[in-house]
């Protein structure tokens, strides 16, 4: 097995210079860095991450915590994070973290410490101000994605503004009886959807339409939304002419439920949502895009910048611009439904 000394000898530099060139710490000229890198490749030398960690105090490992790994938004964010980290030579350790307080304590007090991560990215975690203490007690850079993380920089969209935007689109089309659909019931990762519901209510109130604002909570899945819409339509005395869905997956459930009831979208029922999920184009769904993979990359870049010495961004939301992608699921209400 070749050693760092062998690499340094072949490149014609000292061991200390070879170490700096391969680790990226300290100054070496570009010519020297290329010489050392080529020597390492020629010899098949692989640096010991454990040894490098002892020298630099860094593990080149980022901890990612998320309540889900099998749902579209979370999977896309994690994919973007991983892609950016790999480009920079960093590893990722992923923890699925639900609402269980004991589980959170184990992750924060043991696993993240034992793994010696250099930073933490929290994806869609619904932390209250009192809950983030253990996270910051690690004394590592912390960045959030999606749900706004108290005391930290968060990459995402302004959920209240996004919901107000889609609701305003329906109002501008002439809809007055609008149903907001979505928002989980189990208490995990609910802050995003609570803000989207709040945005809906604020926009309806600002238009003087609070009496026409209905809400149907459901888990953020197509199947649950399908059932929730069928049940709502069954018991409603007056049917809505439009649905503002908290996510595209929820909106797809609404469209399928409308079809089951013999309603046509958008002639009988307009549907609009937030996400621009890959399914949205297949269902001709009008929606607001939020590009979660790009959010993941942006969060990773923030963390890597801090680790490289950049000044941390002030706590708060770094919000992506909002824009509606207009498709065929929204239209003015028909004369018979006004």
Protein backbone atom coordinates (compact mmCIF):
# COMPACT_ATOMS: atom_id res chain seq x y z
CA UNK A 1 0.00 0.00 0.00
CA UNK A 2 1.41 3.34 -1.06
CA UNK A 3 1.85 6.08 1.53
CA UNK A 4 1.76 9.85 1.53
CA UNK A 5 5.57 9.79 1.61
CA UNK A 6 5.57 7.85 -1.69
CA UNK A 7 3.29 10.45 -3.26
CA UNK A 8 5.48 13.31 -2.00
CA UNK A 9 8.63 11.59 -3.30
CA UNK A 10 7.17 11.05 -6.78
CA UNK A 11 5.88 14.63 -6.97
CA UNK A 12 9.16 16.04 -5.68
CA UNK A 13 7.63 17.87 -2.72
CA UNK A 14 7.60 17.52 1.06
CA UNK A 15 5.01 15.39 2.89
CA UNK A 16 3.48 18.53 4.36
CA UNK A 17 3.03 20.06 0.89
CA UNK A 18 1.56 16.82 -0.46
CA UNK A 19 -0.87 16.72 2.46
CA UNK A 20 -1.99 20.30 1.85
CA UNK A 21 -2.44 19.64 -1.86
CA UNK A 22 -4.58 16.56 -1.34
CA UNK A 23 -6.65 17.86 1.59
CA UNK A 24 -7.31 21.31 0.14
CA UNK A 25 -6.16 22.97 3.39
CA UNK A 26 -3.45 25.58 3.29
CA UNK A 27 -1.89 27.18 0.24
CA UNK A 28 -0.14 25.33 -2.58
CA UNK A 29 0.31 26.54 -6.14
CA UNK A 30 -1.95 25.14 -8.83
CA UNK A 31 1.04 23.54 -10.53
CA UNK A 32 2.06 21.77 -7.31
CA UNK A 33 -1.49 20.64 -6.64
CA UNK A 34 -1.71 19.07 -10.09
CA UNK A 35 1.68 17.37 -9.67
CA UNK A 36 0.66 15.88 -6.32
CA UNK A 37 -2.78 14.83 -7.56
CA UNK A 38 -1.26 13.10 -10.60
CA UNK A 39 1.31 11.34 -8.43
CA UNK A 40 -1.47 10.07 -6.16
CA UNK A 41 -3.41 8.79 -9.18
CA UNK A 42 -0.32 7.10 -10.65
CA UNK A 43 0.38 5.33 -7.36
CA UNK A 44 -3.24 4.50 -6.58
CA UNK A 45 -2.94 6.35 -3.29
CA UNK A 46 -6.13 6.88 -1.27
CA UNK A 47 -5.94 9.31 1.64
CA UNK A 48 -7.11 8.06 5.02
CA UNK A 49 -10.20 10.03 6.01
CA UNK A 50 -9.59 9.15 9.66
CA UNK A 51 -6.08 10.52 9.53
CA UNK A 52 -7.21 13.65 7.71
CA UNK A 53 -9.90 14.16 10.31
CA UNK A 54 -7.36 14.04 13.11
CA UNK A 55 -5.28 16.72 11.39
CA UNK A 56 -8.04 19.06 10.20
CA UNK A 57 -10.76 18.40 12.79
CA UNK A 58 -13.12 17.82 9.85
CA UNK A 59 -14.85 14.61 8.81
CA UNK A 60 -16.06 15.79 5.37
CA UNK A 61 -19.39 14.32 6.40
CA UNK A 62 -22.68 16.26 6.56
CA UNK A 63 -25.62 15.05 8.65
CA UNK A 64 -29.06 15.32 7.04
CA UNK A 65 -32.23 14.92 9.12
CA UNK A 66 -35.65 14.51 7.50
CA UNK A 67 -39.06 13.20 8.59
CA UNK A 68 -39.47 11.29 5.30
CA UNK A 69 -37.17 9.82 2.69
CA UNK A 70 -39.80 8.22 0.42
CA UNK A 71 -41.95 11.26 -0.38
CA UNK A 72 -41.28 13.33 -3.48
CA UNK A 73 -40.28 16.69 -1.94
CA UNK A 74 -37.96 15.16 0.65
CA UNK A 75 -36.38 12.71 -1.79
CA UNK A 76 -35.73 15.51 -4.29
CA UNK A 77 -34.15 17.75 -1.65
CA UNK A 78 -31.91 14.94 -0.41
CA UNK A 79 -30.90 14.15 -3.99
CA UNK A 80 -29.89 17.78 -4.53
CA UNK A 81 -27.96 17.88 -1.25
CA UNK A 82 -26.09 14.67 -2.06
CA UNK A 83 -25.24 15.83 -5.56
CA UNK A 84 -23.70 19.06 -4.33
CA UNK A 85 -21.81 17.36 -1.50
CA UNK A 86 -20.33 14.68 -3.76
CA UNK A 87 -19.11 17.35 -6.16
CA UNK A 88 -17.12 18.80 -3.27
CA UNK A 89 -15.88 15.48 -1.93
CA UNK A 90 -18.21 15.28 1.07
CA UNK A 91 -20.16 12.32 2.43
CA UNK A 92 -23.75 12.39 3.68
CA UNK A 93 -25.22 10.63 6.69
CA UNK A 94 -29.02 10.52 6.60
CA UNK A 95 -31.36 10.23 9.58
CA UNK A 96 -35.13 9.85 9.27
CA UNK A 97 -36.47 11.82 12.19
CA UNK A 98 -40.17 11.69 13.06
CA UNK A 99 -41.99 13.42 15.92
CA UNK A 100 -40.82 11.05 18.67
CA UNK A 101 -38.96 13.11 21.30
CA UNK A 102 -36.85 10.16 22.48
CA UNK A 103 -35.74 9.45 18.92
CA UNK A 104 -34.76 13.09 18.42
CA UNK A 105 -32.75 13.01 21.64
CA UNK A 106 -30.90 9.86 20.53
CA UNK A 107 -30.03 11.36 17.17
CA UNK A 108 -28.89 14.73 18.54
CA UNK A 109 -27.16 13.51 21.70
CA UNK A 110 -25.55 10.37 20.34
CA UNK A 111 -25.61 9.62 16.62
CA UNK A 112 -24.71 13.07 15.26
CA UNK A 113 -21.98 13.38 17.91
CA UNK A 114 -20.64 9.86 17.33
CA UNK A 115 -20.55 10.31 13.56
CA UNK A 116 -18.76 13.65 14.08
CA UNK A 117 -20.52 15.48 11.28
CA UNK A 118 -19.19 18.84 10.13
CA UNK A 119 -22.65 20.39 9.68
CA UNK A 120 -26.37 19.55 9.72
CA UNK A 121 -29.05 20.14 7.07
CA UNK A 122 -32.61 19.82 8.38
CA UNK A 123 -35.11 18.98 5.61
CA UNK A 124 -38.77 19.83 6.24
CA UNK A 125 -38.39 19.55 10.00
CA UNK A 126 -41.11 21.19 12.07
CA UNK A 127 -39.00 22.45 14.99
CA UNK A 128 -40.42 24.88 17.50
CA UNK A 129 -38.06 27.47 18.98
CA UNK A 130 -37.71 25.40 22.16
CA UNK A 131 -36.79 22.25 20.19
CA UNK A 132 -33.75 23.49 18.30
CA UNK A 133 -31.46 23.78 21.33
CA UNK A 134 -30.00 20.26 20.98
CA UNK A 135 -29.38 20.90 17.27
CA UNK A 136 -27.39 24.09 17.89
CA UNK A 137 -25.64 22.56 20.90
CA UNK A 138 -23.58 20.55 18.38
CA UNK A 139 -21.85 23.87 17.58
CA UNK A 140 -21.90 23.04 13.89
CA UNK A 141 -23.33 24.99 10.95
CA UNK A 142 -27.07 24.31 10.60
CA UNK A 143 -29.18 25.08 7.52
CA UNK A 144 -32.86 24.26 6.96
CA UNK A 145 -34.78 23.39 3.82
CA UNK A 146 -38.57 23.76 3.48
CA UNK A 147 -39.89 24.31 6.99
CA UNK A 148 -38.39 27.48 8.44
CA UNK A 149 -35.88 26.60 11.15
CA UNK A 150 -35.84 29.04 14.10
CA UNK A 151 -32.43 30.65 14.50
CA UNK A 152 -31.01 29.29 11.24
CA UNK A 153 -30.94 30.11 7.55
CA UNK A 154 -33.64 28.22 5.64
CA UNK A 155 -33.84 27.69 1.88
CA UNK A 156 -37.35 27.35 0.46
CA UNK A 157 -40.37 29.26 -0.73
CA UNK A 158 -42.61 31.66 1.15
CA UNK A 159 -45.50 29.24 1.75
CA UNK A 160 -47.97 31.93 2.81
CA UNK A 161 -47.18 33.99 -0.29
CA UNK A 162 -47.40 30.92 -2.54
CA UNK A 163 -50.80 29.99 -1.18
CA UNK A 164 -52.06 33.54 -1.49
CA UNK A 165 -50.83 33.58 -5.10
CA UNK A 166 -52.77 30.48 -6.17
CA UNK A 167 -55.85 31.59 -4.25
CA UNK A 168 -55.70 35.02 -5.88
CA UNK A 169 -55.54 33.37 -9.31
CA UNK A 170 -58.80 31.55 -8.59
CA UNK A 171 -60.43 34.72 -7.25
CA UNK A 172 -59.32 36.68 -10.33
CA UNK A 173 -60.98 34.03 -12.50
CA UNK A 174 -64.25 34.74 -10.70
CA UNK A 175 -64.40 31.92 -8.13
CA UNK A 176 -66.09 32.76 -4.84
CA UNK A 177 -66.56 29.32 -3.23
CA UNK A 178 -63.09 27.82 -2.88
CA UNK A 179 -61.92 24.79 -0.92
CA UNK A 180 -58.42 24.58 0.54
CA UNK A 181 -57.30 20.95 0.53
CA UNK A 182 -54.43 19.45 2.51
CA UNK A 183 -52.51 19.61 5.74
CA UNK A 184 -51.45 16.52 7.68
CA UNK A 185 -53.24 15.49 10.84
CA UNK A 186 -50.51 13.53 12.65
CA UNK A 187 -48.47 16.52 13.87
CA UNK A 188 -45.27 15.86 11.88
CA UNK A 189 -43.81 18.41 9.49
CA UNK A 190 -47.03 20.42 9.57
CA UNK A 191 -45.67 23.97 9.66
CA UNK A 192 -45.40 24.29 5.87
CA UNK A 193 -48.97 23.20 5.30
CA UNK A 194 -50.28 25.30 8.17
CA UNK A 195 -48.73 28.34 6.52
CA UNK A 196 -50.27 27.41 3.18
CA UNK A 197 -53.66 27.13 4.85
CA UNK A 198 -53.08 30.48 6.53
CA UNK A 199 -52.18 32.05 3.19
CA UNK A 200 -55.43 30.77 1.71
CA UNK A 201 -57.49 32.22 4.54
CA UNK A 202 -55.67 35.56 4.40
CA UNK A 203 -56.26 35.94 0.67
CA UNK A 204 -59.91 34.95 0.91
CA UNK A 205 -60.39 37.42 3.77
CA UNK A 206 -58.66 40.22 1.86
CA UNK A 207 -61.13 39.64 -0.97
CA UNK A 208 -64.09 39.67 1.43
CA UNK A 209 -64.74 35.98 0.76
CA UNK A 210 -64.22 34.41 4.18
CA UNK A 211 -67.71 32.90 4.07
CA UNK A 212 -66.81 31.03 0.89
CA UNK A 213 -63.55 29.66 2.31
CA UNK A 214 -63.79 25.97 3.16
CA UNK A 215 -60.97 23.76 4.44
CA UNK A 216 -60.61 19.99 4.11
CA UNK A 217 -57.59 18.62 6.02
CA UNK A 218 -55.94 15.42 4.84
CA UNK A 219 -52.59 13.70 4.81
CA UNK A 220 -50.37 14.93 1.99
CA UNK A 221 -50.88 11.95 -0.30
CA UNK A 222 -52.95 11.41 -3.42
CA UNK A 223 -54.97 8.59 -1.87
CA UNK A 224 -55.86 10.54 1.29
CA UNK A 225 -56.78 13.62 -0.74
CA UNK A 226 -59.01 11.53 -3.01
CA UNK A 227 -60.95 10.24 0.00
CA UNK A 228 -61.12 13.68 1.66
CA UNK A 229 -62.58 15.32 -1.46
CA UNK A 230 -65.17 12.59 -1.98
CA UNK A 231 -66.28 12.93 1.65
CA UNK A 232 -66.40 16.72 1.44
CA UNK A 233 -68.44 16.72 -1.78
CA UNK A 234 -70.82 14.18 -0.26
CA UNK A 235 -71.68 16.30 2.78
CA UNK A 236 -71.36 19.83 1.32
CA UNK A 237 -74.61 21.74 0.95
CA UNK A 238 -73.03 24.00 -1.67
CA UNK A 239 -70.23 22.66 -3.83
CA UNK A 240 -67.05 24.68 -4.32
CA UNK A 241 -66.21 25.83 -7.82
CA UNK A 242 -62.47 25.58 -7.20
CA UNK A 243 -59.86 23.83 -5.05
CA UNK A 244 -56.58 25.37 -3.85
CA UNK A 245 -54.49 22.32 -2.98
CA UNK A 246 -51.53 22.39 -0.59
CA UNK A 247 -49.46 20.25 -2.97
CA UNK A 248 -49.62 18.72 -6.43
CA UNK A 249 -50.02 15.20 -5.07
CA UNK A 250 -53.05 16.38 -3.12
CA UNK A 251 -54.37 18.13 -6.25
CA UNK A 252 -54.12 14.90 -8.26
CA UNK A 253 -56.28 13.20 -5.64
CA UNK A 254 -58.80 16.02 -5.99
CA UNK A 255 -58.92 15.67 -9.79
CA UNK A 256 -59.45 11.92 -9.54
CA UNK A 257 -62.22 12.42 -6.96
CA UNK A 258 -63.90 14.97 -9.24
CA UNK A 259 -63.88 12.44 -12.06
CA UNK A 260 -65.44 9.83 -9.77
CA UNK A 261 -68.25 12.27 -8.99
CA UNK A 262 -68.75 12.98 -12.70
CA UNK A 263 -67.30 16.48 -12.47
CA UNK A 264 -65.11 17.88 -15.24
CA UNK A 265 -61.92 19.86 -14.56
CA UNK A 266 -61.92 22.82 -15.10
CA UNK A 267 -65.48 23.25 -16.40
CA UNK A 268 -67.14 22.12 -13.16
CA UNK A 269 -64.20 22.44 -10.77
CA UNK A 270 -60.92 24.34 -11.12
CA UNK A 271 -57.87 22.91 -9.34
CA UNK A 272 -54.57 24.65 -8.59
CA UNK A 273 -51.65 23.64 -6.37
CA UNK A 274 -48.04 24.18 -5.29
CA UNK A 275 -44.98 22.10 -6.25
CA UNK A 276 -44.76 21.36 -10.00
CA UNK A 277 -44.41 17.65 -9.26
CA UNK A 278 -43.61 15.53 -12.36
CA UNK A 279 -47.25 14.34 -12.30
CA UNK A 280 -48.56 17.89 -12.66
CA UNK A 281 -47.94 18.06 -16.41
CA UNK A 282 -49.64 14.68 -16.93
CA UNK A 283 -52.76 16.02 -15.19
CA UNK A 284 -52.52 19.40 -16.94
CA UNK A 285 -52.34 20.98 -13.50
CA UNK A 286 -51.82 24.70 -12.97
CA UNK A 287 -49.27 25.03 -10.19
CA UNK A 288 -46.46 27.02 -8.57
CA UNK A 289 -43.03 25.43 -8.97
CA UNK A 290 -40.62 25.19 -6.05
CA UNK A 291 -37.75 22.98 -7.43
CA UNK A 292 -36.82 21.02 -4.26
CA UNK A 293 -33.66 19.55 -5.80
CA UNK A 294 -32.35 23.09 -6.36
CA UNK A 295 -33.26 23.94 -2.77
CA UNK A 296 -31.20 20.97 -1.61
CA UNK A 297 -28.22 22.05 -3.70
CA UNK A 298 -28.52 25.62 -2.40
CA UNK A 299 -28.59 24.42 1.22
CA UNK A 300 -25.53 22.23 0.66
CA UNK A 301 -23.70 25.13 -0.98
CA UNK A 302 -24.49 27.35 2.02
CA UNK A 303 -23.05 24.74 4.39
CA UNK A 304 -19.96 24.17 2.25
CA UNK A 305 -19.39 27.91 2.04
CA UNK A 306 -19.51 28.26 5.82
CA UNK A 307 -17.08 25.35 6.21
CA UNK A 308 -14.77 27.06 3.71
CA UNK A 309 -14.77 30.22 5.81
CA UNK A 310 -17.61 32.28 4.36
CA UNK A 311 -19.63 34.47 6.73
CA UNK A 312 -22.87 32.64 7.63
CA UNK A 313 -26.03 34.11 6.16
CA UNK A 314 -28.28 35.77 8.73
CA UNK A 315 -31.04 33.54 10.12
CA UNK A 316 -34.25 33.64 8.14
CA UNK A 317 -35.76 32.45 4.89
CA UNK A 318 -33.94 32.61 1.58
CA UNK A 319 -37.05 32.51 -0.57
CA UNK A 320 -37.10 31.44 -4.20
CA UNK A 321 -39.19 33.59 -6.57
CA UNK A 322 -42.78 32.46 -7.11
CA UNK A 323 -44.34 31.99 -10.52
CA UNK A 324 -47.46 30.17 -11.65
CA UNK A 325 -47.14 27.58 -14.41
CA UNK A 326 -50.43 27.94 -16.22
CA UNK A 327 -51.96 24.74 -17.56
CA UNK A 328 -55.50 23.57 -18.22
CA UNK A 329 -56.89 22.82 -14.75
CA UNK A 330 -58.18 26.33 -13.99
CA UNK A 331 -60.81 28.45 -15.71
CA UNK A 332 -63.59 30.86 -14.89
CA UNK A 333 -66.55 29.17 -13.16
CA UNK A 334 -69.31 28.08 -15.50
CA UNK A 335 -72.54 30.08 -15.57
CA UNK A 336 -74.41 27.20 -13.91
CA UNK A 337 -72.02 27.06 -10.94
CA UNK A 338 -71.89 30.80 -10.15
